[in-house]
Amino acid sequence: MTSLPARDQLRQRAEYTYKFNAKTGRHGWLRLTPAYSLKIAEEFVVGHAQARRILDPFCGTGTTALCAAYHGREAVTADINPFLVWLAQAKTAHYSTAIIQATRDACAEALDLLARRAVEPVSAPPIFNIERWWSADALEFLRLLRAAIERAAQPGTQARNLLLVAFCRTLMELSNAAFNHQSMSFRSREPSALLFALDGGAVFEANLRFVLSGASENPVGSASVVLADSRGLTKALSGPFDVVITSPPYANRISYVRELRPYMYWLGFLENGRDAGELDWTAIGGTWGIATSRLADWEPSDRHFSSARLTRVLQEIGHSANKNGALLSKYVAKYFDDMWAHFCELPKLLASGAQLHYIVGNSTFYGTLVSTEQIYAEMLSQLGFSQVACRPIRRRNSNKELIEFDVAALWR
């Protein structure tokens, strides 16, 4: 079992990209996985005490891999988004006392450069309507801080990574983004008297202390984070795995690339809107930018999954009375086509007796309930999994129809 001090570090590492809202007393973040939480992941990891190798094919921010590593397991996780791979690697890495001290030293150097204005600010990232995100003074500070980090720590080093995690927390803390409801919004802010060396520097320094506190106690297990497409896992990973614990994208048209763009632009993972749209198109469930326009020409693969339940859902959504019904019907069809391709990869990677847990929510389109959990169950049954079951975990919001499920199964 994880000791209490280690559990504190686990929670802090899990919250590396959270933003604390002093008004509500809650942590909010740019949404990555709508339901998945540290508590849920830890329950499943602890519940499979005999499982040594744990797979999470939809990495997100690395929550499953982090839990598994802190509980002494070997975790492997994958994602198609390079920013999420970088972040999960930073969260699951082992840090020596020398690295932590080197990070503190680099922080001190960066703050000194800020105080003396001894660096040229980096260019502002090309985020559309960037003034909604940050006031002019906050934006200037972040540009200078980003330049100071580049000067103080070498690229590719663990010290640079830890500084950048603290930078990510800082850029959201200084932003105008609001996290108090399902869709992210922006609040208006009066111009602040941000003092570069004092106020902004203190925010960054406090965030780094939080990050280093989490990094100070390393997990006893290991985690490997791989850049890979979940529809082609066997090209990048080797089994066998004893258990799969994951929360895939939902069929709800939420673009994780869109929600992540502040981080990705500031850290250089995106350079323009077209790149963002291209990445969203390759991701399962992506419909932002060019991904939406490409749906009109998309056709199912020759080996697509079909069932009476799915056919009925697609017909109801695509009804001519529904505005954009045909497009949304294709979106749902593509989502399940992609998930079928993913599920088809699993048998090649699993040990006999391996267990699966897919945390996923259902959704609605034009009043049609898309029972994602039931369609997952059909897919797994067709592939030869046994003991397939859908267990409700919790309600997603005030709509009583929207629920998150644990879709569980056993590999023969």
Protein backbone atom coordinates (compact mmCIF):
# COMPACT_ATOMS: atom_id res chain seq x y z
CA MET A 1 0.00 0.00 0.00
CA THR A 2 1.03 3.58 -0.58
CA SER A 3 2.13 5.37 2.60
CA LEU A 4 0.34 8.54 3.64
CA PRO A 5 3.28 10.83 2.74
CA ALA A 6 3.58 9.14 -0.65
CA ARG A 7 -0.17 9.55 -1.15
CA ASP A 8 0.26 13.29 -0.61
CA GLN A 9 2.93 13.34 -3.33
CA LEU A 10 0.73 11.25 -5.59
CA ARG A 11 -2.08 13.77 -5.24
CA GLN A 12 0.24 16.70 -5.84
CA ARG A 13 1.70 15.15 -8.98
CA ALA A 14 -1.81 14.34 -10.19
CA GLU A 15 -2.73 18.01 -9.72
CA TYR A 16 0.27 19.48 -11.54
CA THR A 17 -1.97 21.20 -14.09
CA TYR A 18 -4.80 22.19 -11.78
CA LYS A 19 -5.71 25.76 -11.02
CA PHE A 20 -7.02 26.59 -7.57
CA ASN A 21 -10.09 28.82 -7.39
CA ALA A 22 -9.91 30.65 -4.06
CA LYS A 23 -13.50 31.87 -4.40
CA THR A 24 -15.04 28.40 -4.71
CA GLY A 25 -12.34 26.50 -2.86
CA ARG A 26 -12.10 24.03 -5.73
CA HIS A 27 -9.52 23.02 -8.27
CA GLY A 28 -10.42 23.52 -11.91
CA TRP A 29 -8.50 22.82 -15.08
CA LEU A 30 -8.80 22.74 -18.80
CA ARG A 31 -10.88 19.64 -19.19
CA LEU A 32 -8.94 16.58 -20.33
CA THR A 33 -11.05 13.63 -19.22
CA PRO A 34 -14.52 14.72 -18.09
CA ALA A 35 -15.07 12.15 -15.35
CA TYR A 36 -11.84 10.41 -14.66
CA SER A 37 -10.29 11.26 -11.32
CA LEU A 38 -7.45 10.22 -9.08
CA LYS A 39 -9.93 8.57 -6.72
CA ILE A 40 -11.45 6.41 -9.46
CA ALA A 41 -8.07 5.42 -10.87
CA GLU A 42 -6.67 4.52 -7.46
CA GLU A 43 -9.70 2.39 -6.60
CA PHE A 44 -9.18 0.26 -9.69
CA VAL A 45 -5.41 -0.02 -9.26
CA VAL A 46 -5.76 -1.07 -5.61
CA GLY A 47 -8.63 -3.38 -6.51
CA HIS A 48 -6.34 -5.40 -8.80
CA ALA A 49 -3.60 -6.17 -6.29
CA GLN A 50 -2.22 -9.10 -8.32
CA ALA A 51 -1.86 -7.14 -11.56
CA ARG A 52 1.76 -6.24 -12.20
CA ARG A 53 1.54 -4.65 -15.67
CA ILE A 54 -1.21 -2.07 -16.17
CA LEU A 55 -2.15 -0.52 -19.52
CA ASP A 56 -3.88 2.81 -20.09
CA PRO A 57 -4.34 3.26 -23.85
CA PHE A 58 -5.79 6.77 -23.42
CA CYS A 59 -3.18 8.53 -21.33
CA GLY A 60 -4.73 11.95 -20.78
CA THR A 61 -2.66 13.55 -18.03
CA GLY A 62 -1.26 10.20 -16.91
CA THR A 63 -3.50 9.61 -13.89
CA THR A 64 -3.70 5.82 -14.21
CA ALA A 65 0.03 5.42 -14.83
CA LEU A 66 0.82 7.70 -11.90
CA CYS A 67 -1.41 5.71 -9.52
CA ALA A 68 -0.01 2.41 -10.74
CA ALA A 69 3.59 3.56 -10.29
CA TYR A 70 2.96 4.84 -6.76
CA HIS A 71 1.45 1.47 -5.89
CA GLY A 72 4.53 -0.37 -7.09
CA ARG A 73 3.24 -1.57 -10.46
CA GLU A 74 4.62 -1.30 -13.96
CA ALA A 75 2.41 1.01 -16.00
CA VAL A 76 2.38 1.67 -19.73
CA THR A 77 0.27 4.43 -21.20
CA ALA A 78 -0.09 5.99 -24.63
CA ASP A 79 -1.56 9.08 -26.24
CA ILE A 80 -1.67 10.61 -29.69
CA ASN A 81 -1.22 14.13 -28.31
CA PRO A 82 2.49 14.99 -27.84
CA PHE A 83 1.77 17.56 -25.13
CA LEU A 84 -0.07 15.00 -23.03
CA VAL A 85 2.80 12.55 -23.51
CA TRP A 86 5.27 15.20 -22.32
CA LEU A 87 3.11 16.11 -19.34
CA ALA A 88 2.55 12.49 -18.27
CA GLN A 89 6.27 11.82 -18.59
CA ALA A 90 7.01 14.80 -16.35
CA LYS A 91 4.44 13.66 -13.79
CA THR A 92 5.59 10.04 -13.63
CA ALA A 93 9.37 10.57 -13.80
CA HIS A 94 11.80 9.85 -10.97
CA TYR A 95 13.63 12.93 -9.68
CA SER A 96 16.85 12.88 -7.70
CA THR A 97 17.64 15.37 -4.94
CA ALA A 98 20.28 16.82 -7.27
CA ILE A 99 17.67 17.49 -9.96
CA ILE A 100 15.32 19.13 -7.47
CA GLN A 101 18.12 21.39 -6.24
CA ALA A 102 19.12 22.18 -9.83
CA THR A 103 15.50 23.16 -10.51
CA ARG A 104 15.48 25.48 -7.49
CA ASP A 105 18.72 27.05 -8.69
CA ALA A 106 17.30 27.51 -12.19
CA CYS A 107 14.18 29.11 -10.70
CA ALA A 108 16.30 31.57 -8.74
CA GLU A 109 18.22 32.44 -11.90
CA ALA A 110 15.01 32.90 -13.89
CA LEU A 111 13.54 35.19 -11.22
CA ASP A 112 16.75 37.22 -11.16
CA LEU A 113 16.59 37.61 -14.94
CA LEU A 114 13.00 38.79 -14.58
CA ALA A 115 13.85 41.30 -11.86
CA ARG A 116 16.62 42.79 -13.96
CA ARG A 117 14.64 42.54 -17.21
CA ALA A 118 17.73 40.81 -18.58
CA VAL A 119 15.91 38.74 -21.23
CA GLU A 120 14.01 39.53 -24.38
CA PRO A 121 10.43 38.26 -24.14
CA VAL A 122 9.42 35.39 -26.40
CA SER A 123 6.79 36.09 -29.03
CA ALA A 124 3.19 35.86 -27.90
CA PRO A 125 1.67 32.53 -28.98
CA PRO A 126 -0.69 32.80 -31.97
CA ILE A 127 -3.83 32.03 -29.97
CA PHE A 128 -6.96 33.48 -31.54
CA ASN A 129 -8.29 36.38 -29.42
CA ILE A 130 -5.41 35.99 -27.01
CA GLU A 131 -6.54 39.15 -25.19
CA ARG A 132 -9.49 37.16 -23.86
CA TRP A 133 -7.07 34.83 -22.12
CA TRP A 134 -4.65 37.30 -20.55
CA SER A 135 -4.52 40.99 -19.82
CA ALA A 136 -1.71 42.95 -21.47
CA ASP A 137 0.43 43.01 -18.33
CA ALA A 138 -0.07 39.31 -17.59
CA LEU A 139 0.80 38.45 -21.19
CA GLU A 140 3.99 40.53 -21.03
CA PHE A 141 4.99 38.84 -17.79
CA LEU A 142 4.42 35.34 -19.23
CA ARG A 143 6.47 36.16 -22.31
CA LEU A 144 9.35 37.30 -20.11
CA LEU A 145 9.02 34.32 -17.78
CA ARG A 146 9.05 31.89 -20.69
CA ALA A 147 12.24 33.52 -21.99
CA ALA A 148 13.83 33.41 -18.53
CA ILE A 149 13.10 29.69 -18.21
CA GLU A 150 14.75 29.07 -21.57
CA ARG A 151 17.86 30.91 -20.38
CA ALA A 152 18.00 29.28 -16.94
CA ALA A 153 17.53 25.60 -17.85
CA GLN A 154 18.73 23.55 -20.79
CA PRO A 155 16.06 22.08 -23.11
CA GLY A 156 15.20 18.44 -22.61
CA THR A 157 16.40 18.38 -19.00
CA GLN A 158 14.29 17.38 -16.04
CA ALA A 159 14.87 20.80 -14.47
CA ARG A 160 13.42 22.48 -17.58
CA ASN A 161 10.42 20.14 -17.51
CA LEU A 162 9.63 20.90 -13.87
CA LEU A 163 9.94 24.64 -14.51
CA LEU A 164 7.57 24.33 -17.46
CA VAL A 165 5.00 22.45 -15.39
CA ALA A 166 5.08 25.35 -12.93
CA PHE A 167 4.82 27.71 -15.89
CA CYS A 168 1.68 25.91 -17.08
CA ARG A 169 0.09 26.35 -13.66
CA THR A 170 1.09 30.01 -13.64
CA LEU A 171 -0.25 30.83 -17.08
CA MET A 172 -3.66 29.48 -16.10
CA GLU A 173 -3.61 31.20 -12.71
CA LEU A 174 -3.03 34.53 -14.45
CA SER A 175 -5.61 33.85 -17.15
CA ASN A 176 -9.16 35.09 -17.52
CA ALA A 177 -10.47 31.56 -18.05
CA ALA A 178 -13.35 30.47 -15.82
CA PHE A 179 -13.86 26.84 -14.84
CA ASN A 180 -17.16 26.97 -13.01
CA HIS A 181 -19.35 25.14 -15.53
CA GLN A 182 -19.30 22.58 -18.35
CA SER A 183 -18.08 24.93 -21.07
CA MET A 184 -15.02 27.04 -20.39
CA SER A 185 -15.71 30.77 -20.45
CA PHE A 186 -13.83 34.01 -19.88
CA ARG A 187 -14.37 36.55 -17.15
CA SER A 188 -13.60 40.23 -17.53
CA ARG A 189 -10.77 41.54 -15.40
CA GLU A 190 -9.77 45.03 -14.47
CA PRO A 191 -6.21 45.87 -15.47
CA SER A 192 -3.93 44.71 -12.66
CA ALA A 193 -0.81 46.31 -11.30
CA LEU A 194 1.29 43.22 -11.91
CA LEU A 195 4.81 43.75 -10.60
CA PHE A 196 7.10 41.45 -12.54
CA ALA A 197 9.61 40.56 -9.85
CA LEU A 198 7.10 40.53 -6.98
CA ASP A 199 3.55 39.50 -7.87
CA GLY A 200 4.04 37.40 -11.00
CA GLY A 201 7.35 36.00 -9.80
CA ALA A 202 5.79 35.04 -6.47
CA VAL A 203 2.97 33.19 -8.25
CA PHE A 204 5.47 31.23 -10.32
CA GLU A 205 7.70 30.50 -7.33
CA ALA A 206 4.73 29.23 -5.31
CA ASN A 207 3.68 26.99 -8.19
CA LEU A 208 7.19 25.58 -8.45
CA ARG A 209 7.26 24.82 -4.73
CA PHE A 210 4.04 22.86 -5.20
CA VAL A 211 5.50 20.96 -8.15
CA LEU A 212 8.76 20.16 -6.36
CA SER A 213 6.90 18.98 -3.29
CA GLY A 214 5.18 16.40 -5.46
CA ALA A 215 8.46 15.46 -7.13
CA SER A 216 10.33 15.01 -3.87
CA GLU A 217 9.10 11.47 -3.21
CA ASN A 218 9.35 9.14 -6.17
CA PRO A 219 6.98 6.27 -6.98
CA VAL A 220 8.27 2.81 -6.15
CA GLY A 221 7.00 1.44 -9.44
CA SER A 222 7.59 2.60 -13.00
CA ALA A 223 5.64 4.23 -15.79
CA SER A 224 6.35 4.31 -19.50
CA VAL A 225 4.57 6.98 -21.56
CA VAL A 226 4.49 6.41 -25.33
CA LEU A 227 3.39 8.59 -28.24
CA ALA A 228 1.03 6.25 -30.07
CA ASP A 229 -2.39 5.93 -31.67
CA SER A 230 -4.75 3.76 -29.60
CA ARG A 231 -6.06 2.29 -32.86
CA GLY A 232 -2.60 0.85 -33.59
CA LEU A 233 -1.19 0.02 -30.17
CA THR A 234 0.57 -3.17 -31.28
CA LYS A 235 2.89 -1.05 -33.44
CA ALA A 236 4.22 0.73 -30.36
CA LEU A 237 3.62 -1.50 -27.31
CA SER A 238 4.40 -5.04 -26.24
CA GLY A 239 2.27 -7.15 -23.96
CA PRO A 240 1.15 -8.98 -22.08
CA PHE A 241 -0.80 -6.73 -19.70
CA ASP A 242 -2.75 -7.96 -16.69
CA VAL A 243 -5.34 -5.18 -16.57
CA VAL A 244 -6.51 -2.21 -18.63
CA ILE A 245 -7.72 0.86 -16.73
CA THR A 246 -8.63 3.86 -18.84
CA SER A 247 -11.08 6.62 -19.65
CA PRO A 248 -11.34 7.12 -23.43
CA PRO A 249 -12.78 10.23 -25.10
CA TYR A 250 -16.54 10.45 -24.86
CA ALA A 251 -18.90 10.71 -27.83
CA ASN A 252 -19.77 14.29 -26.95
CA ARG A 253 -17.91 16.51 -29.45
CA ILE A 254 -15.60 17.95 -26.80
CA SER A 255 -12.27 18.77 -28.40
CA TYR A 256 -9.43 18.06 -26.02
CA VAL A 257 -7.01 19.82 -28.36
CA ARG A 258 -9.12 22.95 -28.22
CA GLU A 259 -9.19 22.87 -24.43
CA LEU A 260 -5.43 22.28 -24.26
CA ARG A 261 -4.36 24.94 -26.73
CA PRO A 262 -2.99 27.48 -24.17
CA TYR A 263 -0.49 24.93 -22.89
CA MET A 264 0.31 23.60 -26.34
CA TYR A 265 0.92 27.01 -27.93
CA TRP A 266 3.03 28.35 -25.07
CA LEU A 267 5.19 25.22 -24.99
CA GLY A 268 5.59 24.97 -28.77
CA PHE A 269 3.50 21.87 -29.42
CA LEU A 270 1.24 23.92 -31.74
CA GLU A 271 2.21 26.67 -34.14
CA ASN A 272 -1.07 27.49 -35.86
CA GLY A 273 -4.76 26.68 -35.97
CA ARG A 274 -4.41 24.27 -38.87
CA ASP A 275 -2.00 22.11 -36.87
CA ALA A 276 -4.55 22.06 -34.06
CA GLY A 277 -7.29 20.93 -36.45
CA GLU A 278 -5.06 18.24 -37.94
CA LEU A 279 -4.28 16.84 -34.51
CA ASP A 280 -7.94 16.93 -33.55
CA TRP A 281 -8.85 15.02 -36.71
CA THR A 282 -6.40 12.23 -35.86
CA ALA A 283 -7.72 11.99 -32.30
CA ILE A 284 -10.79 9.91 -31.48
CA GLY A 285 -13.86 12.12 -31.10
CA GLY A 286 -12.21 15.27 -32.42
CA THR A 287 -14.47 17.72 -34.28
CA TRP A 288 -12.75 21.09 -34.04
CA GLY A 289 -11.73 23.21 -37.03
CA ILE A 290 -10.94 21.19 -40.15
CA ALA A 291 -11.99 18.02 -38.32
CA THR A 292 -15.63 19.12 -38.59
CA SER A 293 -15.43 19.92 -42.30
CA ARG A 294 -13.80 16.57 -43.06
CA LEU A 295 -16.64 14.67 -41.47
CA ALA A 296 -18.85 15.46 -44.44
CA ASP A 297 -16.63 13.31 -46.69
CA TRP A 298 -15.88 10.56 -44.16
CA GLU A 299 -17.05 7.02 -44.87
CA PRO A 300 -16.91 3.97 -42.57
CA SER A 301 -14.04 1.53 -42.97
CA ASP A 302 -14.61 -1.86 -44.56
CA ARG A 303 -14.27 -3.51 -41.14
CA HIS A 304 -16.47 -1.09 -39.22
CA PHE A 305 -18.55 -2.26 -36.29
CA SER A 306 -22.26 -2.59 -36.84
CA SER A 307 -25.15 -3.49 -34.61
CA ALA A 308 -28.88 -2.94 -34.56
CA ARG A 309 -28.54 -0.60 -31.58
CA LEU A 310 -25.93 1.58 -33.28
CA THR A 311 -27.83 1.62 -36.59
CA ARG A 312 -30.99 2.82 -34.86
CA VAL A 313 -29.10 5.57 -33.02
CA LEU A 314 -27.44 6.79 -36.22
CA GLN A 315 -30.74 6.88 -38.08
CA GLU A 316 -32.47 8.85 -35.31
CA ILE A 317 -29.67 11.41 -35.07
CA GLY A 318 -29.40 11.75 -38.84
CA HIS A 319 -33.11 12.38 -39.31
CA SER A 320 -33.78 15.23 -41.77
CA ALA A 321 -35.74 17.14 -39.12
CA ASN A 322 -32.57 17.57 -37.05
CA LYS A 323 -30.37 20.52 -37.93
CA ASN A 324 -26.91 19.16 -38.79
CA GLY A 325 -28.29 15.70 -38.07
CA ALA A 326 -26.47 14.07 -40.97
CA LEU A 327 -23.13 15.52 -39.83
CA LEU A 328 -23.60 14.51 -36.21
CA SER A 329 -24.67 11.04 -37.26
CA LYS A 330 -21.37 10.71 -39.10
CA TYR A 331 -19.54 11.99 -36.03
CA VAL A 332 -21.07 9.27 -33.86
CA ALA A 333 -20.44 6.63 -36.53
CA LYS A 334 -16.78 7.64 -36.83
CA TYR A 335 -16.36 7.66 -33.06
CA PHE A 336 -17.49 4.05 -32.77
CA ASP A 337 -15.57 3.06 -35.89
CA ASP A 338 -12.41 4.37 -34.20
CA MET A 339 -13.19 2.71 -30.89
CA TRP A 340 -13.83 -0.60 -32.67
CA ALA A 341 -10.38 -0.34 -34.27
CA HIS A 342 -8.95 0.23 -30.81
CA PHE A 343 -10.77 -2.69 -29.19
CA CYS A 344 -9.58 -4.98 -32.00
CA GLU A 345 -5.98 -4.28 -30.91
CA LEU A 346 -6.48 -5.37 -27.31
CA PRO A 347 -6.48 -9.20 -27.61
CA LYS A 348 -2.94 -9.09 -29.00
CA LEU A 349 -1.70 -7.29 -25.87
CA LEU A 350 -3.50 -9.03 -23.01
CA ALA A 351 -2.54 -11.89 -20.75
CA SER A 352 -5.03 -14.70 -20.24
CA GLY A 353 -7.44 -13.60 -17.54
CA ALA A 354 -6.70 -9.90 -18.06
CA GLN A 355 -9.44 -7.56 -16.88
CA LEU A 356 -10.68 -4.35 -18.50
CA HIS A 357 -12.17 -1.19 -17.02
CA TYR A 358 -13.31 1.54 -19.43
CA ILE A 359 -14.71 4.62 -17.69
CA VAL A 360 -17.01 6.32 -20.20
CA GLY A 361 -20.16 8.41 -20.24
CA ASN A 362 -23.19 8.23 -22.48
CA SER A 363 -24.45 11.25 -24.41
CA THR A 364 -27.44 12.67 -26.24
CA PHE A 365 -27.89 14.21 -29.69
CA TYR A 366 -31.25 15.80 -30.57
CA GLY A 367 -32.85 13.88 -27.73
CA THR A 368 -31.44 10.55 -28.88
CA LEU A 369 -29.57 8.75 -26.12
CA VAL A 370 -26.27 7.28 -27.26
CA SER A 371 -25.64 4.44 -24.82
CA THR A 372 -21.91 4.32 -25.35
CA GLU A 373 -21.45 1.80 -22.55
CA GLN A 374 -23.86 -0.67 -24.17
CA ILE A 375 -22.19 -0.37 -27.57
CA TYR A 376 -18.79 -0.90 -25.92
CA ALA A 377 -20.22 -4.01 -24.28
CA GLU A 378 -21.41 -5.31 -27.66
CA MET A 379 -17.98 -4.72 -29.18
CA LEU A 380 -16.16 -6.54 -26.40
CA SER A 381 -18.58 -9.47 -26.53
CA GLN A 382 -18.09 -9.82 -30.29
CA LEU A 383 -14.32 -9.96 -29.75
CA GLY A 384 -14.61 -12.84 -27.31
CA PHE A 385 -14.41 -11.07 -23.96
CA SER A 386 -16.49 -12.58 -21.18
CA GLN A 387 -18.19 -11.29 -18.03
CA VAL A 388 -18.93 -8.01 -19.82
CA ALA A 389 -20.83 -5.65 -17.55
CA CYS A 390 -21.74 -1.96 -17.36
CA ARG A 391 -21.72 -0.53 -13.83
CA PRO A 392 -22.93 3.05 -13.30
CA ILE A 393 -20.45 5.15 -11.34
CA ARG A 394 -22.05 8.55 -11.04
CA ARG A 395 -24.30 11.06 -12.76
CA ARG A 396 -22.51 13.43 -15.11
CA ASN A 397 -24.64 16.52 -14.48
CA SER A 398 -28.20 17.56 -13.68
CA ASN A 399 -29.52 15.57 -16.65
CA LYS A 400 -30.59 12.27 -15.11
CA GLU A 401 -29.93 10.44 -18.38
CA LEU A 402 -26.21 11.29 -18.48
CA ILE A 403 -24.20 8.81 -16.46
CA GLU A 404 -20.63 7.59 -16.30
CA PHE A 405 -20.10 3.84 -16.39
CA ASP A 406 -17.40 1.32 -15.72
CA VAL A 407 -17.49 -1.05 -18.69
CA ALA A 408 -15.72 -4.13 -17.36
CA ALA A 409 -14.75 -7.37 -19.10
CA LEU A 410 -12.47 -10.39 -18.80
CA TRP A 411 -10.15 -11.70 -21.49
CA ARG A 412 -10.37 -15.47 -21.86
